[in-house]
PDB file of N, CA and C in Angstrom:
ATOM      1  N   MET A   1       0.766  -1.143  -0.082  1.00  0.00           N
ATOM      2  CA  MET A   1      -0.088  -0.023   0.072  1.00  0.00           C
ATOM      3  C   MET A   1       0.984   1.190   0.036  1.00  0.00           C
ATOM      4  N   VAL A   2       0.378   2.221  -0.675  1.00  0.00           N
ATOM      5  CA  VAL A   2       1.166   3.546  -0.610  1.00  0.00           C
ATOM      6  C   VAL A   2       0.009   4.601  -0.682  1.00  0.00           C
ATOM      7  N   ARG A   3       0.328   5.696   0.098  1.00  0.00           N
ATOM      8  CA  ARG A   3      -0.601   6.815   0.163  1.00  0.00           C
ATOM      9  C   ARG A   3       0.020   7.941  -0.556  1.00  0.00           C
ATOM     10  N   LEU A   4      -0.815   8.531  -1.495  1.00  0.00           N
ATOM     11  CA  LEU A   4      -0.367   9.710  -2.281  1.00  0.00           C
ATOM     12  C   LEU A   4      -1.067  10.959  -1.819  1.00  0.00           C
ATOM     13  N   GLU A   5      -0.339  12.030  -1.544  1.00  0.00           N
ATOM     14  CA  GLU A   5      -0.980  13.226  -1.137  1.00  0.00           C
ATOM     15  C   GLU A   5      -0.450  14.457  -2.021  1.00  0.00           C
ATOM     16  N   HIS A   6      -1.377  15.489  -2.071  1.00  0.00           N
ATOM     17  CA  HIS A   6      -0.895  16.743  -2.815  1.00  0.00           C
ATOM     18  C   HIS A   6      -0.525  16.387  -4.198  1.00  0.00           C
ATOM     19  N   ILE A   7      -1.449  15.794  -5.000  1.00  0.00           N
ATOM     20  CA  ILE A   7      -1.223  15.321  -6.381  1.00  0.00           C
ATOM     21  C   ILE A   7      -1.678  16.530  -7.288  1.00  0.00           C
ATOM     22  N   VAL A   8      -0.647  17.002  -8.015  1.00  0.00           N
ATOM     23  CA  VAL A   8      -1.041  18.123  -8.907  1.00  0.00           C
ATOM     24  C   VAL A   8      -0.386  17.811 -10.334  1.00  0.00           C
ATOM     25  N   ARG A   9      -1.230  17.831 -11.238  1.00  0.00           N
ATOM     26  CA  ARG A   9      -0.874  17.608 -12.677  1.00  0.00           C
ATOM     27  C   ARG A   9      -0.593  19.062 -13.239  1.00  0.00           C
ATOM     28  N   ASN A  10       0.460  19.167 -13.890  1.00  0.00           N
ATOM     29  CA  ASN A  10       0.779  20.416 -14.687  1.00  0.00           C
ATOM     30  C   ASN A  10       1.565  20.138 -15.907  1.00  0.00           C
ATOM     31  N   GLY A  11       0.674  20.109 -17.076  1.00  0.00           N
ATOM     32  CA  GLY A  11       1.172  19.656 -18.335  1.00  0.00           C
ATOM     33  C   GLY A  11       1.500  18.272 -18.310  1.00  0.00           C
ATOM     34  N   ASN A  12       2.876  17.884 -18.595  1.00  0.00           N
ATOM     35  CA  ASN A  12       3.190  16.493 -18.724  1.00  0.00           C
ATOM     36  C   ASN A  12       3.885  16.047 -17.440  1.00  0.00           C
ATOM     37  N   THR A  13       3.780  16.904 -16.317  1.00  0.00           N
ATOM     38  CA  THR A  13       4.310  16.335 -15.073  1.00  0.00           C
ATOM     39  C   THR A  13       3.219  16.250 -14.034  1.00  0.00           C
ATOM     40  N   ILE A  14       3.376  15.331 -13.153  1.00  0.00           N
ATOM     41  CA  ILE A  14       2.565  15.084 -11.850  1.00  0.00           C
ATOM     42  C   ILE A  14       3.530  15.105 -10.629  1.00  0.00           C
ATOM     43  N   SER A  15       3.355  16.085  -9.851  1.00  0.00           N
ATOM     44  CA  SER A  15       4.054  16.237  -8.679  1.00  0.00           C
ATOM     45  C   SER A  15       3.077  15.565  -7.453  1.00  0.00           C
ATOM     46  N   PHE A  16       3.845  14.861  -6.548  1.00  0.00           N
ATOM     47  CA  PHE A  16       3.071  14.408  -5.369  1.00  0.00           C
ATOM     48  C   PHE A  16       3.873  13.871  -4.302  1.00  0.00           C
ATOM     49  N   GLU A  17       3.368  13.535  -3.079  1.00  0.00           N
ATOM     50  CA  GLU A  17       4.078  13.090  -1.988  1.00  0.00           C
ATOM     51  C   GLU A  17       3.666  11.740  -1.810  1.00  0.00           C
ATOM     52  N   ALA A  18       4.505  10.854  -1.602  1.00  0.00           N
ATOM     53  CA  ALA A  18       4.263   9.353  -1.407  1.00  0.00           C
ATOM     54  C   ALA A  18       4.603   9.045   0.098  1.00  0.00           C
ATOM     55  N   TYR A  19       3.724   8.170   0.679  1.00  0.00           N
ATOM     56  CA  TYR A  19       3.988   7.686   2.069  1.00  0.00           C
ATOM     57  C   TYR A  19       3.846   6.060   1.869  1.00  0.00           C
ATOM     58  N   VAL A  20       4.981   5.242   2.016  1.00  0.00           N
ATOM     59  CA  VAL A  20       4.925   3.864   1.800  1.00  0.00           C
ATOM     60  C   VAL A  20       4.477   3.214   3.030  1.00  0.00           C
ATOM     61  N   GLU A  21       3.717   2.202   2.829  1.00  0.00           N
ATOM     62  CA  GLU A  21       3.217   1.376   4.067  1.00  0.00           C
ATOM     63  C   GLU A  21       2.848   2.204   5.223  1.00  0.00           C
ATOM     64  N   ASP A  22       3.345   1.919   6.380  1.00  0.00           N
ATOM     65  CA  ASP A  22       2.912   2.648   7.527  1.00  0.00           C
ATOM     66  C   ASP A  22       3.918   3.762   7.964  1.00  0.00           C
ATOM     67  N   CYS A  23       4.801   4.093   7.010  1.00  0.00           N
ATOM     68  CA  CYS A  23       5.801   5.121   7.179  1.00  0.00           C
ATOM     69  C   CYS A  23       5.218   6.591   7.174  1.00  0.00           C
ATOM     70  N   GLU A  24       5.737   7.401   7.946  1.00  0.00           N
ATOM     71  CA  GLU A  24       5.172   8.746   8.013  1.00  0.00           C
ATOM     72  C   GLU A  24       6.154   9.752   7.335  1.00  0.00           C
ATOM     73  N   VAL A  25       7.300   9.119   6.741  1.00  0.00           N
ATOM     74  CA  VAL A  25       8.206  10.140   6.241  1.00  0.00           C
ATOM     75  C   VAL A  25       7.878  10.328   4.751  1.00  0.00           C
ATOM     76  N   VAL A  26       7.683  11.553   4.358  1.00  0.00           N
ATOM     77  CA  VAL A  26       7.303  11.848   2.953  1.00  0.00           C
ATOM     78  C   VAL A  26       8.443  11.693   1.967  1.00  0.00           C
ATOM     79  N   ILE A  27       7.936  11.131   0.732  1.00  0.00           N
ATOM     80  CA  ILE A  27       8.863  11.033  -0.377  1.00  0.00           C
ATOM     81  C   ILE A  27       8.316  11.851  -1.534  1.00  0.00           C
ATOM     82  N   PRO A  28       8.921  13.030  -1.680  1.00  0.00           N
ATOM     83  CA  PRO A  28       8.509  13.936  -2.869  1.00  0.00           C
ATOM     84  C   PRO A  28       8.941  13.435  -4.238  1.00  0.00           C
ATOM     85  N   LEU A  29       7.894  13.282  -5.001  1.00  0.00           N
ATOM     86  CA  LEU A  29       8.213  12.753  -6.443  1.00  0.00           C
ATOM     87  C   LEU A  29       7.654  13.649  -7.547  1.00  0.00           C
ATOM     88  N   VAL A  30       8.215  13.552  -8.704  1.00  0.00           N
ATOM     89  CA  VAL A  30       7.731  14.307  -9.726  1.00  0.00           C
ATOM     90  C   VAL A  30       7.687  13.166 -10.964  1.00  0.00           C
ATOM     91  N   LEU A  31       6.658  12.984 -11.611  1.00  0.00           N
ATOM     92  CA  LEU A  31       6.491  12.139 -12.645  1.00  0.00           C
ATOM     93  C   LEU A  31       6.282  12.717 -14.089  1.00  0.00           C
ATOM     94  N   ASP A  32       7.102  12.234 -14.907  1.00  0.00           N
ATOM     95  CA  ASP A  32       6.936  12.673 -16.441  1.00  0.00           C
ATOM     96  C   ASP A  32       5.936  11.739 -17.065  1.00  0.00           C
ATOM     97  N   THR A  33       4.795  12.275 -17.540  1.00  0.00           N
ATOM     98  CA  THR A  33       3.813  11.328 -18.221  1.00  0.00           C
ATOM     99  C   THR A  33       4.101  11.018 -19.587  1.00  0.00           C
ATOM    100  N   GLU A  34       4.927  11.756 -20.254  1.00  0.00           N
ATOM    101  CA  GLU A  34       5.394  11.456 -21.684  1.00  0.00           C
ATOM    102  C   GLU A  34       6.513  10.287 -21.575  1.00  0.00           C
ATOM    103  N   LYS A  35       7.436  10.548 -20.707  1.00  0.00           N
ATOM    104  CA  LYS A  35       8.658   9.582 -20.609  1.00  0.00           C
ATOM    105  C   LYS A  35       8.239   8.288 -19.666  1.00  0.00           C
ATOM    106  N   ARG A  36       7.057   8.541 -19.036  1.00  0.00           N
ATOM    107  CA  ARG A  36       6.315   7.451 -18.120  1.00  0.00           C
ATOM    108  C   ARG A  36       7.521   7.104 -17.082  1.00  0.00           C
ATOM    109  N   ASP A  37       8.092   8.054 -16.498  1.00  0.00           N
ATOM    110  CA  ASP A  37       9.169   7.802 -15.378  1.00  0.00           C
ATOM    111  C   ASP A  37       9.365   8.988 -14.504  1.00  0.00           C
ATOM    112  N   PHE A  38      10.014   8.803 -13.456  1.00  0.00           N
ATOM    113  CA  PHE A  38      10.261   9.883 -12.449  1.00  0.00           C
ATOM    114  C   PHE A  38      11.195  10.775 -13.104  1.00  0.00           C
ATOM    115  N   ILE A  39      11.176  12.071 -12.848  1.00  0.00           N
ATOM    116  CA  ILE A  39      12.044  13.114 -13.179  1.00  0.00           C
ATOM    117  C   ILE A  39      13.202  13.196 -12.111  1.00  0.00           C
ATOM    118  N   ASN A  40      12.810  13.122 -10.860  1.00  0.00           N
ATOM    119  CA  ASN A  40      13.672  13.188  -9.827  1.00  0.00           C
ATOM    120  C   ASN A  40      13.991  11.809  -9.325  1.00  0.00           C
ATOM    121  N   ASN A  41      15.279  11.649  -8.552  1.00  0.00           N
ATOM    122  CA  ASN A  41      15.663  10.597  -7.839  1.00  0.00           C
ATOM    123  C   ASN A  41      14.985  10.549  -6.587  1.00  0.00           C
ATOM    124  N   PHE A  42      14.769   9.528  -6.005  1.00  0.00           N
ATOM    125  CA  PHE A  42      14.364   9.420  -4.659  1.00  0.00           C
ATOM    126  C   PHE A  42      15.090   8.426  -3.867  1.00  0.00           C
ATOM    127  N   GLU A  43      15.020   8.503  -2.595  1.00  0.00           N
ATOM    128  CA  GLU A  43      15.399   7.586  -1.570  1.00  0.00           C
ATOM    129  C   GLU A  43      14.271   7.083  -0.680  1.00  0.00           C
ATOM    130  N   LEU A  44      14.218   5.813  -0.497  1.00  0.00           N
ATOM    131  CA  LEU A  44      13.222   5.371   0.504  1.00  0.00           C
ATOM    132  C   LEU A  44      13.670   5.574   1.948  1.00  0.00           C
ATOM    133  N   PRO A  45      12.853   5.905   2.788  1.00  0.00           N
ATOM    134  CA  PRO A  45      13.187   6.066   4.230  1.00  0.00           C
ATOM    135  C   PRO A  45      13.985   4.776   4.788  1.00  0.00           C
ATOM    136  N   GLU A  46      14.754   5.085   5.789  1.00  0.00           N
ATOM    137  CA  GLU A  46      15.571   3.909   6.310  1.00  0.00           C
ATOM    138  C   GLU A  46      14.576   2.868   6.880  1.00  0.00           C
ATOM    139  N   GLY A  47      14.982   1.692   6.597  1.00  0.00           N
ATOM    140  CA  GLY A  47      14.050   0.462   6.957  1.00  0.00           C
ATOM    141  C   GLY A  47      13.018   0.194   6.067  1.00  0.00           C
ATOM    142  N   TYR A  48      12.824   0.978   4.948  1.00  0.00           N
ATOM    143  CA  TYR A  48      11.853   0.730   3.954  1.00  0.00           C
ATOM    144  C   TYR A  48      12.397   0.554   2.658  1.00  0.00           C
ATOM    145  N   GLY A  49      13.604   0.002   2.627  1.00  0.00           N
ATOM    146  CA  GLY A  49      14.239  -0.232   1.302  1.00  0.00           C
ATOM    147  C   GLY A  49      13.541  -1.212   0.481  1.00  0.00           C
ATOM    148  N   ASP A  50      12.807  -2.211   0.997  1.00  0.00           N
ATOM    149  CA  ASP A  50      12.109  -3.164   0.164  1.00  0.00           C
ATOM    150  C   ASP A  50      10.748  -2.697  -0.196  1.00  0.00           C
ATOM    151  N   CYS A  51      10.500  -1.381  -0.082  1.00  0.00           N
ATOM    152  CA  CYS A  51       9.161  -0.766  -0.534  1.00  0.00           C
ATOM    153  C   CYS A  51       9.166  -0.059  -1.900  1.00  0.00           C
ATOM    154  N   LYS A  52      10.183  -0.171  -2.684  1.00  0.00           N
ATOM    155  CA  LYS A  52      10.263   0.297  -3.878  1.00  0.00           C
ATOM    156  C   LYS A  52       9.208   0.088  -4.835  1.00  0.00           C
ATOM    157  N   ILE A  53       8.774  -1.132  -4.822  1.00  0.00           N
ATOM    158  CA  ILE A  53       7.484  -1.628  -5.582  1.00  0.00           C
ATOM    159  C   ILE A  53       6.268  -0.661  -5.261  1.00  0.00           C
ATOM    160  N   ASN A  54       6.330  -0.181  -4.094  1.00  0.00           N
ATOM    161  CA  ASN A  54       5.111   0.609  -3.751  1.00  0.00           C
ATOM    162  C   ASN A  54       5.105   1.941  -4.556  1.00  0.00           C
ATOM    163  N   VAL A  55       6.355   2.609  -4.679  1.00  0.00           N
ATOM    164  CA  VAL A  55       6.523   3.818  -5.469  1.00  0.00           C
ATOM    165  C   VAL A  55       6.181   3.404  -6.962  1.00  0.00           C
ATOM    166  N   VAL A  56       6.741   2.308  -7.476  1.00  0.00           N
ATOM    167  CA  VAL A  56       6.514   1.842  -8.869  1.00  0.00           C
ATOM    168  C   VAL A  56       4.917   1.717  -9.085  1.00  0.00           C
ATOM    169  N   MET A  57       4.245   1.078  -8.138  1.00  0.00           N
ATOM    170  CA  MET A  57       2.762   0.885  -8.326  1.00  0.00           C
ATOM    171  C   MET A  57       2.035   2.306  -8.350  1.00  0.00           C
ATOM    172  N   ALA A  58       2.494   3.123  -7.467  1.00  0.00           N
ATOM    173  CA  ALA A  58       2.067   4.554  -7.589  1.00  0.00           C
ATOM    174  C   ALA A  58       2.092   5.189  -8.903  1.00  0.00           C
ATOM    175  N   LYS A  59       3.284   5.049  -9.609  1.00  0.00           N
ATOM    176  CA  LYS A  59       3.560   5.700 -10.778  1.00  0.00           C
ATOM    177  C   LYS A  59       2.564   5.018 -11.846  1.00  0.00           C
ATOM    178  N   PHE A  60       2.375   3.616 -11.763  1.00  0.00           N
ATOM    179  CA  PHE A  60       1.412   2.961 -12.767  1.00  0.00           C
ATOM    180  C   PHE A  60       0.071   3.453 -12.495  1.00  0.00           C
ATOM    181  N   ARG A  61      -0.289   3.729 -11.335  1.00  0.00           N
ATOM    182  CA  ARG A  61      -1.828   4.125 -11.093  1.00  0.00           C
ATOM    183  C   ARG A  61      -2.043   5.484 -11.488  1.00  0.00           C
ATOM    184  N   LEU A  62      -0.908   6.449 -11.368  1.00  0.00           N
ATOM    185  CA  LEU A  62      -1.134   7.816 -11.793  1.00  0.00           C
ATOM    186  C   LEU A  62      -1.197   7.830 -13.328  1.00  0.00           C
ATOM    187  N   LEU A  63      -0.238   7.048 -13.959  1.00  0.00           N
ATOM    188  CA  LEU A  63      -0.406   7.012 -15.429  1.00  0.00           C
ATOM    189  C   LEU A  63      -1.790   6.469 -15.914  1.00  0.00           C
ATOM    190  N   ASP A  64      -2.225   5.481 -15.263  1.00  0.00           N
ATOM    191  CA  ASP A  64      -3.540   4.970 -15.616  1.00  0.00           C
ATOM    192  C   ASP A  64      -4.727   6.016 -15.501  1.00  0.00           C
ATOM    193  N   MET A  65      -4.524   6.875 -14.481  1.00  0.00           N
ATOM    194  CA  MET A  65      -5.557   7.937 -14.122  1.00  0.00           C
ATOM    195  C   MET A  65      -5.467   8.957 -15.241  1.00  0.00           C
ATOM    196  N   VAL A  66      -4.405   9.281 -15.714  1.00  0.00           N
ATOM    197  CA  VAL A  66      -4.036  10.168 -16.908  1.00  0.00           C
ATOM    198  C   VAL A  66      -4.778   9.550 -18.196  1.00  0.00           C
ATOM    199  N   GLU A  67      -4.592   8.293 -18.376  1.00  0.00           N
ATOM    200  CA  GLU A  67      -5.099   7.785 -19.588  1.00  0.00           C
ATOM    201  C   GLU A  67      -6.529   7.661 -19.613  1.00  0.00           C
ATOM    202  N   GLU A  68      -7.109   7.510 -18.375  1.00  0.00           N
ATOM    203  CA  GLU A  68      -8.519   7.395 -18.206  1.00  0.00           C
ATOM    204  C   GLU A  68      -9.246   8.689 -18.211  1.00  0.00           C
ATOM    205  N   GLY A  69      -8.455   9.809 -18.144  1.00  0.00           N
ATOM    206  CA  GLY A  69      -9.071  11.152 -18.079  1.00  0.00           C
ATOM    207  C   GLY A  69      -9.501  11.514 -16.690  1.00  0.00           C
ATOM    208  N   LYS A  70      -8.902  10.864 -15.692  1.00  0.00           N
ATOM    209  CA  LYS A  70      -9.251  10.963 -14.270  1.00  0.00           C
ATOM    210  C   LYS A  70      -8.285  12.090 -13.680  1.00  0.00           C
ATOM    211  N   LEU A  71      -7.221  12.488 -14.379  1.00  0.00           N
ATOM    212  CA  LEU A  71      -6.415  13.456 -13.820  1.00  0.00           C
ATOM    213  C   LEU A  71      -5.856  14.235 -14.866  1.00  0.00           C
ATOM    214  N   GLU A  72      -6.726  15.379 -15.122  1.00  0.00           N
ATOM    215  CA  GLU A  72      -6.510  16.227 -16.287  1.00  0.00           C
ATOM    216  C   GLU A  72      -5.561  17.347 -15.954  1.00  0.00           C
ATOM    217  N   ASP A  73      -5.037  18.030 -16.954  1.00  0.00           N
ATOM    218  CA  ASP A  73      -3.852  18.963 -16.847  1.00  0.00           C
ATOM    219  C   ASP A  73      -4.503  20.062 -15.897  1.00  0.00           C
ATOM    220  N   GLY A  74      -3.734  20.609 -15.061  1.00  0.00           N
ATOM    221  CA  GLY A  74      -4.283  21.644 -14.089  1.00  0.00           C
ATOM    222  C   GLY A  74      -5.089  21.128 -12.926  1.00  0.00           C
ATOM    223  N   SER A  75      -5.254  19.781 -12.867  1.00  0.00           N
ATOM    224  CA  SER A  75      -6.102  19.337 -11.783  1.00  0.00           C
ATOM    225  C   SER A  75      -5.366  18.877 -10.597  1.00  0.00           C
ATOM    226  N   ALA A  76      -5.994  18.684  -9.404  1.00  0.00           N
ATOM    227  CA  ALA A  76      -5.261  18.424  -8.268  1.00  0.00           C
ATOM    228  C   ALA A  76      -6.130  17.465  -7.389  1.00  0.00           C
ATOM    229  N   GLU A  77      -5.475  16.544  -6.667  1.00  0.00           N
ATOM    230  CA  GLU A  77      -6.163  15.638  -5.905  1.00  0.00           C
ATOM    231  C   GLU A  77      -5.560  15.729  -4.477  1.00  0.00           C
ATOM    232  N   ASP A  78      -6.404  15.604  -3.510  1.00  0.00           N
ATOM    233  CA  ASP A  78      -5.793  15.655  -2.043  1.00  0.00           C
ATOM    234  C   ASP A  78      -5.070  14.547  -1.630  1.00  0.00           C
ATOM    235  N   CYS A  79      -5.640  13.428  -1.763  1.00  0.00           N
ATOM    236  CA  CYS A  79      -5.134  12.071  -1.348  1.00  0.00           C
ATOM    237  C   CYS A  79      -5.855  10.814  -2.083  1.00  0.00           C
ATOM    238  N   ILE A  80      -4.959   9.996  -2.422  1.00  0.00           N
ATOM    239  CA  ILE A  80      -5.541   8.555  -2.851  1.00  0.00           C
ATOM    240  C   ILE A  80      -4.614   7.567  -2.165  1.00  0.00           C
ATOM    241  N   THR A  81      -5.180   6.367  -2.091  1.00  0.00           N
ATOM    242  CA  THR A  81      -4.431   5.224  -1.521  1.00  0.00           C
ATOM    243  C   THR A  81      -4.360   4.177  -2.629  1.00  0.00           C
ATOM    244  N   VAL A  82      -3.173   3.745  -2.865  1.00  0.00           N
ATOM    245  CA  VAL A  82      -3.024   2.764  -4.032  1.00  0.00           C
ATOM    246  C   VAL A  82      -2.809   1.373  -3.184  1.00  0.00           C
ATOM    247  N   MET A  83      -3.616   0.399  -3.570  1.00  0.00           N
ATOM    248  CA  MET A  83      -3.505  -0.925  -3.137  1.00  0.00           C
ATOM    249  C   MET A  83      -3.646  -1.860  -4.147  1.00  0.00           C
ATOM    250  N   TRP A  84      -2.838  -3.077  -3.896  1.00  0.00           N
ATOM    251  CA  TRP A  84      -2.856  -4.258  -4.816  1.00  0.00           C
ATOM    252  C   TRP A  84      -2.828  -5.430  -4.090  1.00  0.00           C
ATOM    253  N   TYR A  85      -2.927  -6.580  -4.749  1.00  0.00           N
ATOM    254  CA  TYR A  85      -2.872  -7.854  -4.058  1.00  0.00           C
ATOM    255  C   TYR A  85      -2.218  -8.748  -5.156  1.00  0.00           C
TER     256      TYR A  85
END
């Protein structure tokens, strides 16, 4: 599970804050929707090194939202939770 907050789409970029699992340390991220990858490098909080998949799943969910028309240019979302099984 990963919680995403302060999600803002501006053109081809989506900026947001990610919180993996039960961690309260924020991971600020910027996603390029054309390149389908992160613009910035990120580090997971200490003790959460095995949670990289959480950030990858967040990326795929946000890209899906763009393709589905649920996250249009100039739009913002307060918080979403991405879960999978």
